[in-house]
Amino acid sequence: MKHILIPTDFSDNAWSALVYAVKLYKYEVCQFYLLYAQPLDPSSLYGLSDIYIKSIMQQSSTQLQELKQQIIDSDGNANHSFETIVKFIGLKNAVTECLIDKTVDLIIMGTKGATKNKLLFFGSNTTHLVNKIKNCPILIIPDQFDFRPIKQIVFSTDFNRFYSEDEIKTINDFTYDNNAVLRVINIQTGNPLSQIQQYNLSSLKKGFQGFETHYHSVPNYDKKAEVITSFIDDLDIDLLIMVNYKHSLLERFINEPVIKKIGFKPHVPFLVIPDNQ
């Protein structure tokens, strides 16, 4: 059984992520945790009665139950069960508590919530989770993305880092479970691979087993983000995978606030594997 945590703020983007999740795991037994987190600022509650505060909490719980019923009615599946979780703290802390209290294999969420800033790579909540959650992969679903089966996966790496067994297993599981083709992309720097890079490449080749795998060395003809985006478009990629470690390409992307400068607009689902080393 897979255990999947899905944060929601009841936005259209959050709904799209939920629909994607139940369709992606249509044939697997899954326990879904629907999480709504909203911090209650003590200063904003000053002067409010306990009855009113309880009413706010009850309203949130009712809304989450309605969301649960909505997904059951629209995509009913005997393989799936749903549990609702309401926490009146910030999302990062709420997710951290869920990872402690529950078995969670994967977090699935949208790129942006109810308040969308088109200049941001991700919404602030998504960015905070990607930066702070170190013990669970996060699958990020683009805004208004319609589900399609995962048949082509791209894993972007510069081969400068050795990948752990858990990280390789996560990539293996996504590729094997979806009967997909894995394409490993390395953006050229103009220099031949170092001994460390060659060793890490050979380790990946040994680790990726049971499915078709291709290795691509792509000329760095433009910004790295645009190279990846072009590769996704040209090969009709369904899922992008990156590992978020210190000084990685992904770390630079998510800490750059303006899309125009980095040109990175992921329009396919994006699996972020945290650095667990």
Protein backbone atom coordinates (compact mmCIF):
# COMPACT_ATOMS: atom_id res chain seq x y z
CA MET A 1 0.00 0.00 0.00
CA LYS A 2 1.16 3.51 -0.81
CA HIS A 3 0.63 6.36 1.62
CA ILE A 4 0.28 9.75 -0.05
CA LEU A 5 -0.07 13.16 1.57
CA ILE A 6 -1.94 15.81 -0.43
CA PRO A 7 -1.96 19.35 0.98
CA THR A 8 -4.87 21.48 -0.21
CA ASP A 9 -6.10 25.04 0.12
CA PHE A 10 -9.27 24.26 -1.89
CA SER A 11 -7.92 26.08 -4.95
CA ASP A 12 -8.37 24.82 -8.52
CA ASN A 13 -4.66 24.02 -8.66
CA ALA A 14 -4.91 21.91 -5.50
CA TRP A 15 -7.94 20.09 -6.95
CA SER A 16 -5.99 19.33 -10.15
CA ALA A 17 -3.18 17.83 -8.06
CA LEU A 18 -5.66 15.65 -6.18
CA VAL A 19 -7.29 14.41 -9.38
CA TYR A 20 -3.86 13.66 -10.85
CA ALA A 21 -2.93 11.66 -7.75
CA VAL A 22 -5.96 9.37 -7.81
CA LYS A 23 -5.58 8.77 -11.55
CA LEU A 24 -1.85 8.11 -11.33
CA TYR A 25 -2.44 5.43 -8.69
CA LYS A 26 -5.69 4.16 -10.14
CA TYR A 27 -4.60 0.51 -9.98
CA GLU A 28 -2.76 0.64 -6.64
CA VAL A 29 -4.03 0.35 -3.11
CA CYS A 30 -3.50 3.79 -1.57
CA GLN A 31 -4.15 5.64 1.63
CA PHE A 32 -4.53 9.34 0.83
CA TYR A 33 -4.17 11.97 3.54
CA LEU A 34 -5.92 15.21 2.63
CA LEU A 35 -4.27 18.00 4.63
CA TYR A 36 -5.59 21.49 5.18
CA ALA A 37 -3.27 23.75 7.16
CA GLN A 38 -4.07 27.30 8.17
CA PRO A 39 -2.18 29.16 10.88
CA LEU A 40 -4.35 31.02 13.39
CA ASP A 41 -2.47 34.19 14.23
CA PRO A 42 -3.09 34.99 17.93
CA SER A 43 -3.14 38.72 17.16
CA SER A 44 -5.93 38.30 14.63
CA LEU A 45 -7.96 36.26 17.13
CA TYR A 46 -7.76 38.88 19.85
CA GLY A 47 -11.24 39.88 20.95
CA LEU A 48 -12.96 36.99 19.15
CA SER A 49 -15.10 34.67 21.20
CA ASP A 50 -14.26 31.00 21.69
CA ILE A 51 -17.50 30.12 19.92
CA TYR A 52 -16.47 32.09 16.83
CA ILE A 53 -13.02 30.50 16.80
CA LYS A 54 -14.55 27.03 17.08
CA SER A 55 -16.86 27.95 14.21
CA ILE A 56 -13.85 28.79 12.02
CA MET A 57 -12.28 25.44 12.84
CA GLN A 58 -15.49 23.54 12.19
CA GLN A 59 -15.98 25.29 8.87
CA SER A 60 -12.51 24.22 7.72
CA SER A 61 -13.14 20.62 8.80
CA THR A 62 -16.49 20.58 6.99
CA GLN A 63 -14.93 21.99 3.82
CA LEU A 64 -12.26 19.29 3.86
CA GLN A 65 -14.87 16.57 4.34
CA GLU A 66 -16.77 17.96 1.36
CA LEU A 67 -13.56 17.81 -0.70
CA LYS A 68 -13.10 14.20 0.32
CA GLN A 69 -16.64 13.36 -0.78
CA GLN A 70 -16.17 15.25 -4.03
CA ILE A 71 -13.13 13.21 -5.05
CA ILE A 72 -14.86 9.96 -4.04
CA ASP A 73 -17.91 10.88 -6.13
CA SER A 74 -15.88 11.94 -9.17
CA ASP A 75 -13.18 9.23 -9.11
CA GLY A 76 -14.51 6.48 -6.88
CA ASN A 77 -12.04 3.63 -6.53
CA ALA A 78 -12.22 0.65 -4.22
CA ASN A 79 -8.42 0.68 -4.01
CA HIS A 80 -8.40 4.13 -2.42
CA SER A 81 -9.18 5.35 1.07
CA PHE A 82 -9.06 8.93 2.32
CA GLU A 83 -8.34 10.50 5.68
CA THR A 84 -8.78 14.21 6.33
CA ILE A 85 -6.36 16.18 8.51
CA VAL A 86 -6.89 19.77 9.66
CA LYS A 87 -4.08 21.65 11.37
CA PHE A 88 -4.15 25.28 12.43
CA ILE A 89 -0.45 25.89 11.94
CA GLY A 90 1.73 26.78 8.95
CA LEU A 91 1.87 24.30 6.09
CA LYS A 92 5.54 23.40 6.55
CA ASN A 93 5.02 22.56 10.21
CA ALA A 94 1.78 20.74 9.42
CA VAL A 95 3.49 18.56 6.81
CA THR A 96 6.39 17.90 9.17
CA GLU A 97 3.96 16.70 11.86
CA CYS A 98 2.20 14.44 9.36
CA LEU A 99 5.51 12.88 8.33
CA ILE A 100 6.15 12.11 12.00
CA ASP A 101 2.65 10.86 12.84
CA LYS A 102 1.88 8.98 9.63
CA THR A 103 3.62 6.72 7.16
CA VAL A 104 4.02 8.90 4.07
CA ASP A 105 5.72 7.70 0.89
CA LEU A 106 5.04 10.74 -1.28
CA ILE A 107 3.68 14.28 -1.11
CA ILE A 108 1.64 15.48 -4.10
CA MET A 109 0.71 19.14 -4.45
CA GLY A 110 0.10 21.91 -6.97
CA THR A 111 2.59 24.58 -7.99
CA LYS A 112 0.51 27.42 -6.62
CA GLY A 113 -2.40 27.91 -4.29
CA ALA A 114 -5.36 30.26 -4.25
CA THR A 115 -3.13 33.33 -4.53
CA LYS A 116 -1.04 33.08 -7.70
CA ASN A 117 1.99 35.20 -8.49
CA LYS A 118 2.96 34.64 -12.11
CA LEU A 119 6.50 35.88 -11.49
CA LEU A 120 7.30 33.09 -9.07
CA PHE A 121 8.70 29.71 -10.09
CA PHE A 122 6.53 28.04 -7.45
CA GLY A 123 4.13 29.49 -4.95
CA SER A 124 5.71 30.28 -1.60
CA ASN A 125 4.22 27.24 0.14
CA THR A 126 5.57 24.87 -2.50
CA THR A 127 8.98 26.50 -2.44
CA HIS A 128 9.17 26.29 1.36
CA LEU A 129 8.30 22.59 1.33
CA VAL A 130 10.83 21.80 -1.40
CA ASN A 131 13.52 23.59 0.60
CA LYS A 132 12.63 22.23 4.03
CA ILE A 133 11.28 18.69 3.64
CA LYS A 134 14.29 16.36 3.63
CA ASN A 135 12.74 12.93 4.14
CA CYS A 136 9.98 12.57 1.55
CA PRO A 137 9.78 13.09 -2.24
CA ILE A 138 7.41 15.80 -3.48
CA LEU A 139 5.51 15.47 -6.76
CA ILE A 140 4.48 18.91 -8.01
CA ILE A 141 1.62 19.19 -10.50
CA PRO A 142 1.47 22.23 -12.83
CA ASP A 143 -1.53 24.53 -12.76
CA GLN A 144 -4.48 23.25 -14.82
CA PHE A 145 -2.60 20.10 -15.83
CA ASP A 146 -4.72 17.29 -17.27
CA PHE A 147 -3.62 13.78 -16.34
CA ARG A 148 -1.85 11.66 -18.91
CA PRO A 149 0.03 8.38 -18.35
CA ILE A 150 3.73 8.65 -17.58
CA LYS A 151 5.57 7.08 -20.52
CA GLN A 152 8.68 9.25 -20.84
CA ILE A 153 10.68 10.42 -17.79
CA VAL A 154 13.69 12.74 -17.78
CA PHE A 155 16.16 12.81 -14.90
CA SER A 156 18.47 15.82 -15.01
CA THR A 157 21.92 15.46 -13.44
CA ASP A 158 25.43 16.85 -13.84
CA PHE A 159 27.01 13.62 -12.45
CA ASN A 160 28.86 15.67 -9.84
CA ARG A 161 27.09 13.91 -7.00
CA PHE A 162 26.84 10.28 -5.96
CA TYR A 163 23.21 9.20 -5.62
CA SER A 164 22.13 7.04 -2.70
CA GLU A 165 20.26 3.75 -2.97
CA ASP A 166 17.07 5.42 -1.73
CA GLU A 167 17.30 8.15 -4.36
CA ILE A 168 17.91 5.64 -7.14
CA LYS A 169 15.07 3.46 -5.82
CA THR A 170 12.64 6.38 -6.01
CA ILE A 171 13.53 6.94 -9.67
CA ASN A 172 13.40 3.19 -10.36
CA ASP A 173 9.97 2.86 -8.76
CA PHE A 174 8.42 5.70 -10.77
CA THR A 175 9.90 4.40 -14.02
CA TYR A 176 9.20 0.71 -13.48
CA ASP A 177 5.70 1.15 -12.01
CA ASN A 178 4.62 3.25 -14.99
CA ASN A 179 6.37 1.05 -17.57
CA ALA A 180 8.12 4.21 -18.74
CA VAL A 181 11.34 5.06 -20.56
CA LEU A 182 13.94 6.87 -18.47
CA ARG A 183 16.10 9.51 -20.13
CA VAL A 184 19.09 10.79 -18.16
CA ILE A 185 20.14 14.24 -19.35
CA ASN A 186 23.47 15.93 -18.73
CA ILE A 187 24.01 19.48 -19.95
CA GLN A 188 27.52 19.81 -21.37
CA THR A 189 29.95 22.31 -19.86
CA GLY A 190 32.55 22.08 -22.61
CA ASN A 191 34.84 19.90 -20.53
CA PRO A 192 35.08 16.09 -20.58
CA LEU A 193 33.60 14.23 -17.62
CA SER A 194 35.90 14.09 -14.62
CA GLN A 195 36.77 10.80 -12.93
CA ILE A 196 34.17 11.52 -10.26
CA GLN A 197 31.52 12.22 -12.87
CA GLN A 198 32.41 9.05 -14.78
CA TYR A 199 32.17 7.02 -11.58
CA ASN A 200 28.77 8.51 -10.69
CA LEU A 201 27.54 7.85 -14.22
CA SER A 202 28.61 4.20 -14.00
CA SER A 203 26.86 3.91 -10.62
CA LEU A 204 23.63 5.20 -12.13
CA LYS A 205 23.90 2.73 -15.00
CA LYS A 206 24.26 -0.10 -12.50
CA GLY A 207 21.40 1.21 -10.37
CA PHE A 208 18.80 1.71 -13.09
CA GLN A 209 17.44 -1.75 -13.84
CA GLY A 210 14.32 -3.32 -15.34
CA PHE A 211 13.36 -0.66 -17.88
CA GLU A 212 14.59 1.11 -21.01
CA THR A 213 17.14 3.82 -20.21
CA HIS A 214 18.85 6.36 -22.47
CA TYR A 215 21.68 8.78 -21.63
CA HIS A 216 21.75 12.17 -23.31
CA SER A 217 24.57 14.72 -23.30
CA VAL A 218 22.99 17.97 -24.46
CA PRO A 219 24.91 21.04 -25.68
CA ASN A 220 24.58 24.03 -23.37
CA TYR A 221 23.34 26.33 -26.13
CA ASP A 222 21.20 28.50 -23.84
CA LYS A 223 20.20 28.91 -20.21
CA LYS A 224 20.19 25.52 -18.52
CA ALA A 225 16.52 25.90 -17.61
CA GLU A 226 15.62 26.49 -21.23
CA VAL A 227 17.71 23.49 -22.33
CA ILE A 228 15.69 21.26 -19.99
CA THR A 229 12.40 22.81 -21.12
CA SER A 230 13.29 22.26 -24.79
CA PHE A 231 14.25 18.66 -24.07
CA ILE A 232 10.88 18.09 -22.36
CA ASP A 233 9.04 19.52 -25.38
CA ASP A 234 11.11 17.78 -28.05
CA LEU A 235 10.84 14.29 -26.55
CA ASP A 236 7.29 14.63 -25.25
CA ILE A 237 8.36 14.07 -21.63
CA ASP A 238 5.65 13.28 -19.03
CA LEU A 239 7.67 13.64 -15.81
CA LEU A 240 10.76 15.62 -14.79
CA ILE A 241 12.89 14.36 -11.89
CA MET A 242 15.61 16.25 -10.04
CA VAL A 243 17.38 15.78 -6.70
CA ASN A 244 17.43 18.88 -4.53
CA TYR A 245 20.86 19.05 -2.94
CA LYS A 246 23.09 21.95 -1.96
CA HIS A 247 24.46 23.87 -4.96
CA SER A 248 22.34 21.79 -7.34
CA LEU A 249 20.74 23.23 -10.46
CA LEU A 250 17.34 22.86 -8.81
CA GLU A 251 18.45 24.81 -5.74
CA ARG A 252 19.44 27.72 -7.98
CA PHE A 253 16.14 27.53 -9.85
CA ILE A 254 13.86 27.62 -6.82
CA ASN A 255 15.78 30.42 -5.13
CA GLU A 256 15.52 32.70 -8.16
CA PRO A 257 12.21 34.58 -7.84
CA VAL A 258 11.77 35.88 -11.37
CA ILE A 259 10.88 33.42 -14.11
CA LYS A 260 12.10 35.75 -16.86
CA LYS A 261 15.66 35.43 -15.58
CA ILE A 262 15.78 31.65 -15.43
CA GLY A 263 13.26 30.67 -18.10
CA PHE A 264 12.15 27.66 -16.07
CA LYS A 265 8.46 26.98 -16.48
CA PRO A 266 7.82 23.31 -15.70
CA HIS A 267 4.68 22.33 -17.56
CA VAL A 268 4.84 18.62 -16.75
CA PRO A 269 4.69 16.99 -13.31
CA PHE A 270 7.94 17.52 -11.46
CA LEU A 271 9.27 15.03 -8.89
CA VAL A 272 11.66 16.58 -6.38
CA ILE A 273 13.76 14.06 -4.46
CA PRO A 274 15.20 15.55 -1.26
CA ASP A 275 18.85 15.33 -0.36
CA ASN A 276 19.07 12.57 2.25
CA GLN A 277 22.84 12.34 2.41
